[in-house]
Amino acid sequence: NEDNLNNGQASYEAYRFKAFYDAI
């Protein structure tokens, strides 16, 4: 939820979203 906020955007775009997307 709103991972572009609270220091989240860099890690979300670098690896977090991709890890969930690929596995799901």
PDBML (XML) file of the C-alpha atoms, coordinates in Angstrom:
<?xml version="1.0" encoding="UTF-8" ?>
<PDBx:datablock datablockName="MODEL"
   xmlns:PDBx="http://pdbml.pdb.org/schema/pdbx-v50.xsd"
   xmlns:xsi="http://www.w3.org/2001/XMLSchema-instance"
   xsi:schemaLocation="http://pdbml.pdb.org/schema/pdbx-v50.xsd pdbx-v50.xsd">
   <PDBx:atom_siteCategory>
      <PDBx:atom_site id="1">
         <PDBx:B_iso_or_equiv>0.00</PDBx:B_iso_or_equiv>
         <PDBx:Cartn_x>0.000</PDBx:Cartn_x>
         <PDBx:Cartn_y>0.000</PDBx:Cartn_y>
         <PDBx:Cartn_z>0.000</PDBx:Cartn_z>
         <PDBx:auth_asym_id>A</PDBx:auth_asym_id>
         <PDBx:auth_atom_id>CA</PDBx:auth_atom_id>
         <PDBx:auth_comp_id>ASN</PDBx:auth_comp_id>
         <PDBx:auth_seq_id>1</PDBx:auth_seq_id>
         <PDBx:group_PDB>ATOM</PDBx:group_PDB>
         <PDBx:label_alt_id xsi:nil="true" />
         <PDBx:label_asym_id>A</PDBx:label_asym_id>
         <PDBx:label_atom_id>CA</PDBx:label_atom_id>
         <PDBx:label_comp_id>ASN</PDBx:label_comp_id>
         <PDBx:label_entity_id>1</PDBx:label_entity_id>
         <PDBx:label_seq_id>1</PDBx:label_seq_id>
         <PDBx:occupancy>1.00</PDBx:occupancy>
         <PDBx:pdbx_PDB_model_num>1</PDBx:pdbx_PDB_model_num>
         <PDBx:type_symbol>C</PDBx:type_symbol>
      </PDBx:atom_site>
      <PDBx:atom_site id="2">
         <PDBx:B_iso_or_equiv>0.00</PDBx:B_iso_or_equiv>
         <PDBx:Cartn_x>1.448</PDBx:Cartn_x>
         <PDBx:Cartn_y>3.343</PDBx:Cartn_y>
         <PDBx:Cartn_z>-1.108</PDBx:Cartn_z>
         <PDBx:auth_asym_id>A</PDBx:auth_asym_id>
         <PDBx:auth_atom_id>CA</PDBx:auth_atom_id>
         <PDBx:auth_comp_id>GLU</PDBx:auth_comp_id>
         <PDBx:auth_seq_id>2</PDBx:auth_seq_id>
         <PDBx:group_PDB>ATOM</PDBx:group_PDB>
         <PDBx:label_alt_id xsi:nil="true" />
         <PDBx:label_asym_id>A</PDBx:label_asym_id>
         <PDBx:label_atom_id>CA</PDBx:label_atom_id>
         <PDBx:label_comp_id>GLU</PDBx:label_comp_id>
         <PDBx:label_entity_id>1</PDBx:label_entity_id>
         <PDBx:label_seq_id>2</PDBx:label_seq_id>
         <PDBx:occupancy>1.00</PDBx:occupancy>
         <PDBx:pdbx_PDB_model_num>1</PDBx:pdbx_PDB_model_num>
         <PDBx:type_symbol>C</PDBx:type_symbol>
      </PDBx:atom_site>
      <PDBx:atom_site id="3">
         <PDBx:B_iso_or_equiv>0.00</PDBx:B_iso_or_equiv>
         <PDBx:Cartn_x>4.977</PDBx:Cartn_x>
         <PDBx:Cartn_y>1.950</PDBx:Cartn_y>
         <PDBx:Cartn_z>-1.262</PDBx:Cartn_z>
         <PDBx:auth_asym_id>A</PDBx:auth_asym_id>
         <PDBx:auth_atom_id>CA</PDBx:auth_atom_id>
         <PDBx:auth_comp_id>ASP</PDBx:auth_comp_id>
         <PDBx:auth_seq_id>3</PDBx:auth_seq_id>
         <PDBx:group_PDB>ATOM</PDBx:group_PDB>
         <PDBx:label_alt_id xsi:nil="true" />
         <PDBx:label_asym_id>A</PDBx:label_asym_id>
         <PDBx:label_atom_id>CA</PDBx:label_atom_id>
         <PDBx:label_comp_id>ASP</PDBx:label_comp_id>
         <PDBx:label_entity_id>1</PDBx:label_entity_id>
         <PDBx:label_seq_id>3</PDBx:label_seq_id>
         <PDBx:occupancy>1.00</PDBx:occupancy>
         <PDBx:pdbx_PDB_model_num>1</PDBx:pdbx_PDB_model_num>
         <PDBx:type_symbol>C</PDBx:type_symbol>
      </PDBx:atom_site>
      <PDBx:atom_site id="4">
         <PDBx:B_iso_or_equiv>0.00</PDBx:B_iso_or_equiv>
         <PDBx:Cartn_x>6.188</PDBx:Cartn_x>
         <PDBx:Cartn_y>5.140</PDBx:Cartn_y>
         <PDBx:Cartn_z>-2.903</PDBx:Cartn_z>
         <PDBx:auth_asym_id>A</PDBx:auth_asym_id>
         <PDBx:auth_atom_id>CA</PDBx:auth_atom_id>
         <PDBx:auth_comp_id>ASN</PDBx:auth_comp_id>
         <PDBx:auth_seq_id>4</PDBx:auth_seq_id>
         <PDBx:group_PDB>ATOM</PDBx:group_PDB>
         <PDBx:label_alt_id xsi:nil="true" />
         <PDBx:label_asym_id>A</PDBx:label_asym_id>
         <PDBx:label_atom_id>CA</PDBx:label_atom_id>
         <PDBx:label_comp_id>ASN</PDBx:label_comp_id>
         <PDBx:label_entity_id>1</PDBx:label_entity_id>
         <PDBx:label_seq_id>4</PDBx:label_seq_id>
         <PDBx:occupancy>1.00</PDBx:occupancy>
         <PDBx:pdbx_PDB_model_num>1</PDBx:pdbx_PDB_model_num>
         <PDBx:type_symbol>C</PDBx:type_symbol>
      </PDBx:atom_site>
      <PDBx:atom_site id="5">
         <PDBx:B_iso_or_equiv>0.00</PDBx:B_iso_or_equiv>
         <PDBx:Cartn_x>5.962</PDBx:Cartn_x>
         <PDBx:Cartn_y>6.777</PDBx:Cartn_y>
         <PDBx:Cartn_z>0.538</PDBx:Cartn_z>
         <PDBx:auth_asym_id>A</PDBx:auth_asym_id>
         <PDBx:auth_atom_id>CA</PDBx:auth_atom_id>
         <PDBx:auth_comp_id>LEU</PDBx:auth_comp_id>
         <PDBx:auth_seq_id>5</PDBx:auth_seq_id>
         <PDBx:group_PDB>ATOM</PDBx:group_PDB>
         <PDBx:label_alt_id xsi:nil="true" />
         <PDBx:label_asym_id>A</PDBx:label_asym_id>
         <PDBx:label_atom_id>CA</PDBx:label_atom_id>
         <PDBx:label_comp_id>LEU</PDBx:label_comp_id>
         <PDBx:label_entity_id>1</PDBx:label_entity_id>
         <PDBx:label_seq_id>5</PDBx:label_seq_id>
         <PDBx:occupancy>1.00</PDBx:occupancy>
         <PDBx:pdbx_PDB_model_num>1</PDBx:pdbx_PDB_model_num>
         <PDBx:type_symbol>C</PDBx:type_symbol>
      </PDBx:atom_site>
      <PDBx:atom_site id="6">
         <PDBx:B_iso_or_equiv>0.00</PDBx:B_iso_or_equiv>
         <PDBx:Cartn_x>7.816</PDBx:Cartn_x>
         <PDBx:Cartn_y>6.321</PDBx:Cartn_y>
         <PDBx:Cartn_z>3.840</PDBx:Cartn_z>
         <PDBx:auth_asym_id>A</PDBx:auth_asym_id>
         <PDBx:auth_atom_id>CA</PDBx:auth_atom_id>
         <PDBx:auth_comp_id>ASN</PDBx:auth_comp_id>
         <PDBx:auth_seq_id>6</PDBx:auth_seq_id>
         <PDBx:group_PDB>ATOM</PDBx:group_PDB>
         <PDBx:label_alt_id xsi:nil="true" />
         <PDBx:label_asym_id>A</PDBx:label_asym_id>
         <PDBx:label_atom_id>CA</PDBx:label_atom_id>
         <PDBx:label_comp_id>ASN</PDBx:label_comp_id>
         <PDBx:label_entity_id>1</PDBx:label_entity_id>
         <PDBx:label_seq_id>6</PDBx:label_seq_id>
         <PDBx:occupancy>1.00</PDBx:occupancy>
         <PDBx:pdbx_PDB_model_num>1</PDBx:pdbx_PDB_model_num>
         <PDBx:type_symbol>C</PDBx:type_symbol>
      </PDBx:atom_site>
      <PDBx:atom_site id="7">
         <PDBx:B_iso_or_equiv>0.00</PDBx:B_iso_or_equiv>
         <PDBx:Cartn_x>11.218</PDBx:Cartn_x>
         <PDBx:Cartn_y>5.443</PDBx:Cartn_y>
         <PDBx:Cartn_z>2.360</PDBx:Cartn_z>
         <PDBx:auth_asym_id>A</PDBx:auth_asym_id>
         <PDBx:auth_atom_id>CA</PDBx:auth_atom_id>
         <PDBx:auth_comp_id>ASN</PDBx:auth_comp_id>
         <PDBx:auth_seq_id>7</PDBx:auth_seq_id>
         <PDBx:group_PDB>ATOM</PDBx:group_PDB>
         <PDBx:label_alt_id xsi:nil="true" />
         <PDBx:label_asym_id>A</PDBx:label_asym_id>
         <PDBx:label_atom_id>CA</PDBx:label_atom_id>
         <PDBx:label_comp_id>ASN</PDBx:label_comp_id>
         <PDBx:label_entity_id>1</PDBx:label_entity_id>
         <PDBx:label_seq_id>7</PDBx:label_seq_id>
         <PDBx:occupancy>1.00</PDBx:occupancy>
         <PDBx:pdbx_PDB_model_num>1</PDBx:pdbx_PDB_model_num>
         <PDBx:type_symbol>C</PDBx:type_symbol>
      </PDBx:atom_site>
      <PDBx:atom_site id="8">
         <PDBx:B_iso_or_equiv>0.00</PDBx:B_iso_or_equiv>
         <PDBx:Cartn_x>9.680</PDBx:Cartn_x>
         <PDBx:Cartn_y>2.641</PDBx:Cartn_y>
         <PDBx:Cartn_z>0.304</PDBx:Cartn_z>
         <PDBx:auth_asym_id>A</PDBx:auth_asym_id>
         <PDBx:auth_atom_id>CA</PDBx:auth_atom_id>
         <PDBx:auth_comp_id>GLY</PDBx:auth_comp_id>
         <PDBx:auth_seq_id>8</PDBx:auth_seq_id>
         <PDBx:group_PDB>ATOM</PDBx:group_PDB>
         <PDBx:label_alt_id xsi:nil="true" />
         <PDBx:label_asym_id>A</PDBx:label_asym_id>
         <PDBx:label_atom_id>CA</PDBx:label_atom_id>
         <PDBx:label_comp_id>GLY</PDBx:label_comp_id>
         <PDBx:label_entity_id>1</PDBx:label_entity_id>
         <PDBx:label_seq_id>8</PDBx:label_seq_id>
         <PDBx:occupancy>1.00</PDBx:occupancy>
         <PDBx:pdbx_PDB_model_num>1</PDBx:pdbx_PDB_model_num>
         <PDBx:type_symbol>C</PDBx:type_symbol>
      </PDBx:atom_site>
      <PDBx:atom_site id="9">
         <PDBx:B_iso_or_equiv>0.00</PDBx:B_iso_or_equiv>
         <PDBx:Cartn_x>9.919</PDBx:Cartn_x>
         <PDBx:Cartn_y>3.593</PDBx:Cartn_y>
         <PDBx:Cartn_z>-3.354</PDBx:Cartn_z>
         <PDBx:auth_asym_id>A</PDBx:auth_asym_id>
         <PDBx:auth_atom_id>CA</PDBx:auth_atom_id>
         <PDBx:auth_comp_id>GLN</PDBx:auth_comp_id>
         <PDBx:auth_seq_id>9</PDBx:auth_seq_id>
         <PDBx:group_PDB>ATOM</PDBx:group_PDB>
         <PDBx:label_alt_id xsi:nil="true" />
         <PDBx:label_asym_id>A</PDBx:label_asym_id>
         <PDBx:label_atom_id>CA</PDBx:label_atom_id>
         <PDBx:label_comp_id>GLN</PDBx:label_comp_id>
         <PDBx:label_entity_id>1</PDBx:label_entity_id>
         <PDBx:label_seq_id>9</PDBx:label_seq_id>
         <PDBx:occupancy>1.00</PDBx:occupancy>
         <PDBx:pdbx_PDB_model_num>1</PDBx:pdbx_PDB_model_num>
         <PDBx:type_symbol>C</PDBx:type_symbol>
      </PDBx:atom_site>
      <PDBx:atom_site id="10">
         <PDBx:B_iso_or_equiv>0.00</PDBx:B_iso_or_equiv>
         <PDBx:Cartn_x>13.552</PDBx:Cartn_x>
         <PDBx:Cartn_y>2.704</PDBx:Cartn_y>
         <PDBx:Cartn_z>-4.085</PDBx:Cartn_z>
         <PDBx:auth_asym_id>A</PDBx:auth_asym_id>
         <PDBx:auth_atom_id>CA</PDBx:auth_atom_id>
         <PDBx:auth_comp_id>ALA</PDBx:auth_comp_id>
         <PDBx:auth_seq_id>10</PDBx:auth_seq_id>
         <PDBx:group_PDB>ATOM</PDBx:group_PDB>
         <PDBx:label_alt_id xsi:nil="true" />
         <PDBx:label_asym_id>A</PDBx:label_asym_id>
         <PDBx:label_atom_id>CA</PDBx:label_atom_id>
         <PDBx:label_comp_id>ALA</PDBx:label_comp_id>
         <PDBx:label_entity_id>1</PDBx:label_entity_id>
         <PDBx:label_seq_id>10</PDBx:label_seq_id>
         <PDBx:occupancy>1.00</PDBx:occupancy>
         <PDBx:pdbx_PDB_model_num>1</PDBx:pdbx_PDB_model_num>
         <PDBx:type_symbol>C</PDBx:type_symbol>
      </PDBx:atom_site>
      <PDBx:atom_site id="11">
         <PDBx:B_iso_or_equiv>0.00</PDBx:B_iso_or_equiv>
         <PDBx:Cartn_x>13.383</PDBx:Cartn_x>
         <PDBx:Cartn_y>-0.823</PDBx:Cartn_y>
         <PDBx:Cartn_z>-2.646</PDBx:Cartn_z>
         <PDBx:auth_asym_id>A</PDBx:auth_asym_id>
         <PDBx:auth_atom_id>CA</PDBx:auth_atom_id>
         <PDBx:auth_comp_id>SER</PDBx:auth_comp_id>
         <PDBx:auth_seq_id>11</PDBx:auth_seq_id>
         <PDBx:group_PDB>ATOM</PDBx:group_PDB>
         <PDBx:label_alt_id xsi:nil="true" />
         <PDBx:label_asym_id>A</PDBx:label_asym_id>
         <PDBx:label_atom_id>CA</PDBx:label_atom_id>
         <PDBx:label_comp_id>SER</PDBx:label_comp_id>
         <PDBx:label_entity_id>1</PDBx:label_entity_id>
         <PDBx:label_seq_id>11</PDBx:label_seq_id>
         <PDBx:occupancy>1.00</PDBx:occupancy>
         <PDBx:pdbx_PDB_model_num>1</PDBx:pdbx_PDB_model_num>
         <PDBx:type_symbol>C</PDBx:type_symbol>
      </PDBx:atom_site>
      <PDBx:atom_site id="12">
         <PDBx:B_iso_or_equiv>0.00</PDBx:B_iso_or_equiv>
         <PDBx:Cartn_x>9.901</PDBx:Cartn_x>
         <PDBx:Cartn_y>-1.404</PDBx:Cartn_y>
         <PDBx:Cartn_z>-4.111</PDBx:Cartn_z>
         <PDBx:auth_asym_id>A</PDBx:auth_asym_id>
         <PDBx:auth_atom_id>CA</PDBx:auth_atom_id>
         <PDBx:auth_comp_id>TYR</PDBx:auth_comp_id>
         <PDBx:auth_seq_id>12</PDBx:auth_seq_id>
         <PDBx:group_PDB>ATOM</PDBx:group_PDB>
         <PDBx:label_alt_id xsi:nil="true" />
         <PDBx:label_asym_id>A</PDBx:label_asym_id>
         <PDBx:label_atom_id>CA</PDBx:label_atom_id>
         <PDBx:label_comp_id>TYR</PDBx:label_comp_id>
         <PDBx:label_entity_id>1</PDBx:label_entity_id>
         <PDBx:label_seq_id>12</PDBx:label_seq_id>
         <PDBx:occupancy>1.00</PDBx:occupancy>
         <PDBx:pdbx_PDB_model_num>1</PDBx:pdbx_PDB_model_num>
         <PDBx:type_symbol>C</PDBx:type_symbol>
      </PDBx:atom_site>
      <PDBx:atom_site id="13">
         <PDBx:B_iso_or_equiv>0.00</PDBx:B_iso_or_equiv>
         <PDBx:Cartn_x>11.068</PDBx:Cartn_x>
         <PDBx:Cartn_y>-0.619</PDBx:Cartn_y>
         <PDBx:Cartn_z>-7.623</PDBx:Cartn_z>
         <PDBx:auth_asym_id>A</PDBx:auth_asym_id>
         <PDBx:auth_atom_id>CA</PDBx:auth_atom_id>
         <PDBx:auth_comp_id>GLU</PDBx:auth_comp_id>
         <PDBx:auth_seq_id>13</PDBx:auth_seq_id>
         <PDBx:group_PDB>ATOM</PDBx:group_PDB>
         <PDBx:label_alt_id xsi:nil="true" />
         <PDBx:label_asym_id>A</PDBx:label_asym_id>
         <PDBx:label_atom_id>CA</PDBx:label_atom_id>
         <PDBx:label_comp_id>GLU</PDBx:label_comp_id>
         <PDBx:label_entity_id>1</PDBx:label_entity_id>
         <PDBx:label_seq_id>13</PDBx:label_seq_id>
         <PDBx:occupancy>1.00</PDBx:occupancy>
         <PDBx:pdbx_PDB_model_num>1</PDBx:pdbx_PDB_model_num>
         <PDBx:type_symbol>C</PDBx:type_symbol>
      </PDBx:atom_site>
      <PDBx:atom_site id="14">
         <PDBx:B_iso_or_equiv>0.00</PDBx:B_iso_or_equiv>
         <PDBx:Cartn_x>14.429</PDBx:Cartn_x>
         <PDBx:Cartn_y>-2.342</PDBx:Cartn_y>
         <PDBx:Cartn_z>-7.176</PDBx:Cartn_z>
         <PDBx:auth_asym_id>A</PDBx:auth_asym_id>
         <PDBx:auth_atom_id>CA</PDBx:auth_atom_id>
         <PDBx:auth_comp_id>ALA</PDBx:auth_comp_id>
         <PDBx:auth_seq_id>14</PDBx:auth_seq_id>
         <PDBx:group_PDB>ATOM</PDBx:group_PDB>
         <PDBx:label_alt_id xsi:nil="true" />
         <PDBx:label_asym_id>A</PDBx:label_asym_id>
         <PDBx:label_atom_id>CA</PDBx:label_atom_id>
         <PDBx:label_comp_id>ALA</PDBx:label_comp_id>
         <PDBx:label_entity_id>1</PDBx:label_entity_id>
         <PDBx:label_seq_id>14</PDBx:label_seq_id>
         <PDBx:occupancy>1.00</PDBx:occupancy>
         <PDBx:pdbx_PDB_model_num>1</PDBx:pdbx_PDB_model_num>
         <PDBx:type_symbol>C</PDBx:type_symbol>
      </PDBx:atom_site>
      <PDBx:atom_site id="15">
         <PDBx:B_iso_or_equiv>0.00</PDBx:B_iso_or_equiv>
         <PDBx:Cartn_x>13.341</PDBx:Cartn_x>
         <PDBx:Cartn_y>-5.728</PDBx:Cartn_y>
         <PDBx:Cartn_z>-5.820</PDBx:Cartn_z>
         <PDBx:auth_asym_id>A</PDBx:auth_asym_id>
         <PDBx:auth_atom_id>CA</PDBx:auth_atom_id>
         <PDBx:auth_comp_id>TYR</PDBx:auth_comp_id>
         <PDBx:auth_seq_id>15</PDBx:auth_seq_id>
         <PDBx:group_PDB>ATOM</PDBx:group_PDB>
         <PDBx:label_alt_id xsi:nil="true" />
         <PDBx:label_asym_id>A</PDBx:label_asym_id>
         <PDBx:label_atom_id>CA</PDBx:label_atom_id>
         <PDBx:label_comp_id>TYR</PDBx:label_comp_id>
         <PDBx:label_entity_id>1</PDBx:label_entity_id>
         <PDBx:label_seq_id>15</PDBx:label_seq_id>
         <PDBx:occupancy>1.00</PDBx:occupancy>
         <PDBx:pdbx_PDB_model_num>1</PDBx:pdbx_PDB_model_num>
         <PDBx:type_symbol>C</PDBx:type_symbol>
      </PDBx:atom_site>
      <PDBx:atom_site id="16">
         <PDBx:B_iso_or_equiv>0.00</PDBx:B_iso_or_equiv>
         <PDBx:Cartn_x>10.264</PDBx:Cartn_x>
         <PDBx:Cartn_y>-5.898</PDBx:Cartn_y>
         <PDBx:Cartn_z>-3.613</PDBx:Cartn_z>
         <PDBx:auth_asym_id>A</PDBx:auth_asym_id>
         <PDBx:auth_atom_id>CA</PDBx:auth_atom_id>
         <PDBx:auth_comp_id>ARG</PDBx:auth_comp_id>
         <PDBx:auth_seq_id>16</PDBx:auth_seq_id>
         <PDBx:group_PDB>ATOM</PDBx:group_PDB>
         <PDBx:label_alt_id xsi:nil="true" />
         <PDBx:label_asym_id>A</PDBx:label_asym_id>
         <PDBx:label_atom_id>CA</PDBx:label_atom_id>
         <PDBx:label_comp_id>ARG</PDBx:label_comp_id>
         <PDBx:label_entity_id>1</PDBx:label_entity_id>
         <PDBx:label_seq_id>16</PDBx:label_seq_id>
         <PDBx:occupancy>1.00</PDBx:occupancy>
         <PDBx:pdbx_PDB_model_num>1</PDBx:pdbx_PDB_model_num>
         <PDBx:type_symbol>C</PDBx:type_symbol>
      </PDBx:atom_site>
      <PDBx:atom_site id="17">
         <PDBx:B_iso_or_equiv>0.00</PDBx:B_iso_or_equiv>
         <PDBx:Cartn_x>7.501</PDBx:Cartn_x>
         <PDBx:Cartn_y>-5.638</PDBx:Cartn_y>
         <PDBx:Cartn_z>-6.233</PDBx:Cartn_z>
         <PDBx:auth_asym_id>A</PDBx:auth_asym_id>
         <PDBx:auth_atom_id>CA</PDBx:auth_atom_id>
         <PDBx:auth_comp_id>PHE</PDBx:auth_comp_id>
         <PDBx:auth_seq_id>17</PDBx:auth_seq_id>
         <PDBx:group_PDB>ATOM</PDBx:group_PDB>
         <PDBx:label_alt_id xsi:nil="true" />
         <PDBx:label_asym_id>A</PDBx:label_asym_id>
         <PDBx:label_atom_id>CA</PDBx:label_atom_id>
         <PDBx:label_comp_id>PHE</PDBx:label_comp_id>
         <PDBx:label_entity_id>1</PDBx:label_entity_id>
         <PDBx:label_seq_id>17</PDBx:label_seq_id>
         <PDBx:occupancy>1.00</PDBx:occupancy>
         <PDBx:pdbx_PDB_model_num>1</PDBx:pdbx_PDB_model_num>
         <PDBx:type_symbol>C</PDBx:type_symbol>
      </PDBx:atom_site>
      <PDBx:atom_site id="18">
         <PDBx:B_iso_or_equiv>0.00</PDBx:B_iso_or_equiv>
         <PDBx:Cartn_x>9.354</PDBx:Cartn_x>
         <PDBx:Cartn_y>-7.914</PDBx:Cartn_y>
         <PDBx:Cartn_z>-8.658</PDBx:Cartn_z>
         <PDBx:auth_asym_id>A</PDBx:auth_asym_id>
         <PDBx:auth_atom_id>CA</PDBx:auth_atom_id>
         <PDBx:auth_comp_id>LYS</PDBx:auth_comp_id>
         <PDBx:auth_seq_id>18</PDBx:auth_seq_id>
         <PDBx:group_PDB>ATOM</PDBx:group_PDB>
         <PDBx:label_alt_id xsi:nil="true" />
         <PDBx:label_asym_id>A</PDBx:label_asym_id>
         <PDBx:label_atom_id>CA</PDBx:label_atom_id>
         <PDBx:label_comp_id>LYS</PDBx:label_comp_id>
         <PDBx:label_entity_id>1</PDBx:label_entity_id>
         <PDBx:label_seq_id>18</PDBx:label_seq_id>
         <PDBx:occupancy>1.00</PDBx:occupancy>
         <PDBx:pdbx_PDB_model_num>1</PDBx:pdbx_PDB_model_num>
         <PDBx:type_symbol>C</PDBx:type_symbol>
      </PDBx:atom_site>
      <PDBx:atom_site id="19">
         <PDBx:B_iso_or_equiv>0.00</PDBx:B_iso_or_equiv>
         <PDBx:Cartn_x>9.834</PDBx:Cartn_x>
         <PDBx:Cartn_y>-10.618</PDBx:Cartn_y>
         <PDBx:Cartn_z>-6.025</PDBx:Cartn_z>
         <PDBx:auth_asym_id>A</PDBx:auth_asym_id>
         <PDBx:auth_atom_id>CA</PDBx:auth_atom_id>
         <PDBx:auth_comp_id>ALA</PDBx:auth_comp_id>
         <PDBx:auth_seq_id>19</PDBx:auth_seq_id>
         <PDBx:group_PDB>ATOM</PDBx:group_PDB>
         <PDBx:label_alt_id xsi:nil="true" />
         <PDBx:label_asym_id>A</PDBx:label_asym_id>
         <PDBx:label_atom_id>CA</PDBx:label_atom_id>
         <PDBx:label_comp_id>ALA</PDBx:label_comp_id>
         <PDBx:label_entity_id>1</PDBx:label_entity_id>
         <PDBx:label_seq_id>19</PDBx:label_seq_id>
         <PDBx:occupancy>1.00</PDBx:occupancy>
         <PDBx:pdbx_PDB_model_num>1</PDBx:pdbx_PDB_model_num>
         <PDBx:type_symbol>C</PDBx:type_symbol>
      </PDBx:atom_site>
      <PDBx:atom_site id="20">
         <PDBx:B_iso_or_equiv>0.00</PDBx:B_iso_or_equiv>
         <PDBx:Cartn_x>6.100</PDBx:Cartn_x>
         <PDBx:Cartn_y>-10.779</PDBx:Cartn_y>
         <PDBx:Cartn_z>-5.317</PDBx:Cartn_z>
         <PDBx:auth_asym_id>A</PDBx:auth_asym_id>
         <PDBx:auth_atom_id>CA</PDBx:auth_atom_id>
         <PDBx:auth_comp_id>PHE</PDBx:auth_comp_id>
         <PDBx:auth_seq_id>20</PDBx:auth_seq_id>
         <PDBx:group_PDB>ATOM</PDBx:group_PDB>
         <PDBx:label_alt_id xsi:nil="true" />
         <PDBx:label_asym_id>A</PDBx:label_asym_id>
         <PDBx:label_atom_id>CA</PDBx:label_atom_id>
         <PDBx:label_comp_id>PHE</PDBx:label_comp_id>
         <PDBx:label_entity_id>1</PDBx:label_entity_id>
         <PDBx:label_seq_id>20</PDBx:label_seq_id>
         <PDBx:occupancy>1.00</PDBx:occupancy>
         <PDBx:pdbx_PDB_model_num>1</PDBx:pdbx_PDB_model_num>
         <PDBx:type_symbol>C</PDBx:type_symbol>
      </PDBx:atom_site>
      <PDBx:atom_site id="21">
         <PDBx:B_iso_or_equiv>0.00</PDBx:B_iso_or_equiv>
         <PDBx:Cartn_x>5.083</PDBx:Cartn_x>
         <PDBx:Cartn_y>-10.348</PDBx:Cartn_y>
         <PDBx:Cartn_z>-8.953</PDBx:Cartn_z>
         <PDBx:auth_asym_id>A</PDBx:auth_asym_id>
         <PDBx:auth_atom_id>CA</PDBx:auth_atom_id>
         <PDBx:auth_comp_id>TYR</PDBx:auth_comp_id>
         <PDBx:auth_seq_id>21</PDBx:auth_seq_id>
         <PDBx:group_PDB>ATOM</PDBx:group_PDB>
         <PDBx:label_alt_id xsi:nil="true" />
         <PDBx:label_asym_id>A</PDBx:label_asym_id>
         <PDBx:label_atom_id>CA</PDBx:label_atom_id>
         <PDBx:label_comp_id>TYR</PDBx:label_comp_id>
         <PDBx:label_entity_id>1</PDBx:label_entity_id>
         <PDBx:label_seq_id>21</PDBx:label_seq_id>
         <PDBx:occupancy>1.00</PDBx:occupancy>
         <PDBx:pdbx_PDB_model_num>1</PDBx:pdbx_PDB_model_num>
         <PDBx:type_symbol>C</PDBx:type_symbol>
      </PDBx:atom_site>
      <PDBx:atom_site id="22">
         <PDBx:B_iso_or_equiv>0.00</PDBx:B_iso_or_equiv>
         <PDBx:Cartn_x>7.324</PDBx:Cartn_x>
         <PDBx:Cartn_y>-13.131</PDBx:Cartn_y>
         <PDBx:Cartn_z>-10.253</PDBx:Cartn_z>
         <PDBx:auth_asym_id>A</PDBx:auth_asym_id>
         <PDBx:auth_atom_id>CA</PDBx:auth_atom_id>
         <PDBx:auth_comp_id>ASP</PDBx:auth_comp_id>
         <PDBx:auth_seq_id>22</PDBx:auth_seq_id>
         <PDBx:group_PDB>ATOM</PDBx:group_PDB>
         <PDBx:label_alt_id xsi:nil="true" />
         <PDBx:label_asym_id>A</PDBx:label_asym_id>
         <PDBx:label_atom_id>CA</PDBx:label_atom_id>
         <PDBx:label_comp_id>ASP</PDBx:label_comp_id>
         <PDBx:label_entity_id>1</PDBx:label_entity_id>
         <PDBx:label_seq_id>22</PDBx:label_seq_id>
         <PDBx:occupancy>1.00</PDBx:occupancy>
         <PDBx:pdbx_PDB_model_num>1</PDBx:pdbx_PDB_model_num>
         <PDBx:type_symbol>C</PDBx:type_symbol>
      </PDBx:atom_site>
      <PDBx:atom_site id="23">
         <PDBx:B_iso_or_equiv>0.00</PDBx:B_iso_or_equiv>
         <PDBx:Cartn_x>6.298</PDBx:Cartn_x>
         <PDBx:Cartn_y>-15.611</PDBx:Cartn_y>
         <PDBx:Cartn_z>-7.554</PDBx:Cartn_z>
         <PDBx:auth_asym_id>A</PDBx:auth_asym_id>
         <PDBx:auth_atom_id>CA</PDBx:auth_atom_id>
         <PDBx:auth_comp_id>ALA</PDBx:auth_comp_id>
         <PDBx:auth_seq_id>23</PDBx:auth_seq_id>
         <PDBx:group_PDB>ATOM</PDBx:group_PDB>
         <PDBx:label_alt_id xsi:nil="true" />
         <PDBx:label_asym_id>A</PDBx:label_asym_id>
         <PDBx:label_atom_id>CA</PDBx:label_atom_id>
         <PDBx:label_comp_id>ALA</PDBx:label_comp_id>
         <PDBx:label_entity_id>1</PDBx:label_entity_id>
         <PDBx:label_seq_id>23</PDBx:label_seq_id>
         <PDBx:occupancy>1.00</PDBx:occupancy>
         <PDBx:pdbx_PDB_model_num>1</PDBx:pdbx_PDB_model_num>
         <PDBx:type_symbol>C</PDBx:type_symbol>
      </PDBx:atom_site>
      <PDBx:atom_site id="24">
         <PDBx:B_iso_or_equiv>0.00</PDBx:B_iso_or_equiv>
         <PDBx:Cartn_x>2.555</PDBx:Cartn_x>
         <PDBx:Cartn_y>-14.931</PDBx:Cartn_y>
         <PDBx:Cartn_z>-7.803</PDBx:Cartn_z>
         <PDBx:auth_asym_id>A</PDBx:auth_asym_id>
         <PDBx:auth_atom_id>CA</PDBx:auth_atom_id>
         <PDBx:auth_comp_id>ILE</PDBx:auth_comp_id>
         <PDBx:auth_seq_id>24</PDBx:auth_seq_id>
         <PDBx:group_PDB>ATOM</PDBx:group_PDB>
         <PDBx:label_alt_id xsi:nil="true" />
         <PDBx:label_asym_id>A</PDBx:label_asym_id>
         <PDBx:label_atom_id>CA</PDBx:label_atom_id>
         <PDBx:label_comp_id>ILE</PDBx:label_comp_id>
         <PDBx:label_entity_id>1</PDBx:label_entity_id>
         <PDBx:label_seq_id>24</PDBx:label_seq_id>
         <PDBx:occupancy>1.00</PDBx:occupancy>
         <PDBx:pdbx_PDB_model_num>1</PDBx:pdbx_PDB_model_num>
         <PDBx:type_symbol>C</PDBx:type_symbol>
      </PDBx:atom_site>
   </PDBx:atom_siteCategory>
</PDBx:datablock>
